[in-house]
Protein backbone atom coordinates (compact mmCIF):
# COMPACT_ATOMS: atom_id res chain seq x y z
CA MET A 1 1.12 77.00 81.25
CA ASN A 2 4.67 76.05 82.06
CA GLN A 3 5.29 73.73 79.15
CA GLN A 4 8.54 71.89 79.05
CA LYS A 5 10.47 71.76 75.83
CA PRO A 6 11.09 68.27 74.55
CA ASN A 7 14.58 67.09 75.35
CA ARG A 8 15.98 66.75 71.84
CA LYS A 9 19.31 65.46 73.08
CA ARG A 10 17.58 62.60 74.90
CA ASP A 11 15.41 61.89 71.84
CA ARG A 12 18.52 61.83 69.66
CA LEU A 13 20.24 59.49 72.09
CA SER A 14 17.28 57.15 72.02
CA GLY A 15 17.42 57.19 68.24
CA LEU A 16 21.12 56.38 68.27
CA GLU A 17 20.56 53.55 70.73
CA LEU A 18 17.84 52.14 68.51
CA LYS A 19 20.01 52.42 65.41
CA ALA A 20 22.95 50.78 67.18
CA SER A 21 20.86 47.84 68.36
CA THR A 22 19.38 47.44 64.90
CA LEU A 23 22.85 47.53 63.41
CA GLY A 24 23.92 44.72 65.70
CA TRP A 25 21.13 42.53 64.39
CA GLU A 26 21.79 43.56 60.79
CA ILE A 27 25.40 42.42 61.14
CA SER A 28 24.96 39.29 63.26
CA VAL A 29 21.97 37.69 61.53
CA PRO A 30 23.60 37.40 58.07
CA ILE A 31 26.93 36.27 59.53
CA ILE A 32 25.28 33.54 61.63
CA GLY A 33 22.35 32.75 59.34
CA GLY A 34 24.42 32.46 56.17
CA PRO A 35 26.53 29.52 57.31
CA LEU A 36 23.48 27.83 58.85
CA VAL A 37 21.73 27.96 55.49
CA GLY A 38 24.95 26.75 53.86
CA VAL A 39 25.22 23.77 56.22
CA TRP A 40 21.59 22.88 55.51
CA ILE A 41 22.17 23.00 51.72
CA ASP A 42 25.43 21.05 52.08
CA ASP A 43 23.56 18.35 54.04
CA LEU A 44 20.90 18.12 51.33
CA ARG A 45 23.38 17.94 48.46
CA GLY A 46 26.31 16.25 50.17
CA THR A 47 28.71 18.99 49.11
CA ALA A 48 30.63 19.28 52.41
CA PRO A 49 31.83 22.85 53.06
CA ARG A 50 31.10 24.42 49.65
CA TYR A 51 27.78 26.17 50.39
CA THR A 52 28.71 26.81 54.00
CA LEU A 53 31.72 28.84 52.88
CA ILE A 54 29.79 30.59 50.10
CA PHE A 55 27.03 31.66 52.47
CA LEU A 56 29.55 32.62 55.16
CA VAL A 57 31.25 34.99 52.71
CA LEU A 58 27.87 36.35 51.59
CA GLY A 59 26.85 36.86 55.22
CA VAL A 60 30.05 38.72 56.06
CA LEU A 61 29.73 40.91 52.95
CA THR A 62 26.11 41.66 53.86
CA GLY A 63 27.15 42.59 57.40
CA VAL A 64 29.90 44.87 56.09
CA TYR A 65 27.40 46.48 53.70
CA PHE A 66 25.02 47.28 56.57
CA LEU A 67 27.90 48.64 58.66
CA VAL A 68 29.15 50.92 55.87
CA ARG A 69 25.61 52.09 55.14
CA TYR A 70 25.12 52.96 58.84
CA ILE A 71 28.43 54.84 59.02
CA LEU A 72 27.68 56.84 55.87
CA THR A 73 24.19 57.71 57.10
CA GLU A 74 25.54 58.92 60.46
CA TYR A 75 28.33 60.85 58.73
CA ARG A 76 25.85 62.65 56.48
CA GLU A 77 23.65 63.45 59.49
CA MET A 78 26.63 64.85 61.40
CA LYS A 79 27.63 67.00 58.42
CA ARG A 80 24.06 68.26 58.08
CA GLU A 81 23.98 69.21 61.77
CA GLU A 82 27.40 70.90 61.52
CA GLU A 83 26.17 72.97 58.59
CA LYS A 84 23.02 73.89 60.49
CA GLN A 85 25.08 74.94 63.54
CA LYS A 86 27.46 76.86 61.31
CA ASP A 87 24.56 78.71 59.68
CA GLU A 88 23.10 79.55 63.09
CA ASN A 89 26.46 80.76 64.41
CA ASP A 90 27.17 82.89 61.34
CA TYR A 91 24.60 85.41 62.47
CA TYR A 92 26.47 88.19 64.19
CA TYR A 93 24.59 90.57 66.44
CA ASP A 94 26.04 94.05 66.68
CA PRO A 95 24.44 95.96 69.57
CA TYR A 96 25.67 99.26 68.11
CA ASP A 97 24.15 98.57 64.72
CA SER A 98 20.78 100.08 65.67
CA LEU A 99 22.32 103.35 66.87
């Protein structure tokens, strides 16, 4: 009978923690994996640092893309929540209105 409300703040925090850990992988894997693929291709073709540098730049750009995408998503979510709070706070209760 005494049901507890779900703790939305804790759920939101868990979501943020999950997003942050995912973001770490989305940034680190391309930055580390790109040069590794480049070294492998350079070894096959004998082209010294050419593909290593190309894939390093591509990995960094991919990491930056994921970071910017994450920031924009969080920014939009914050704006949406601010608008929701603003709409909820715009309601003004006048106790004398019913008299």
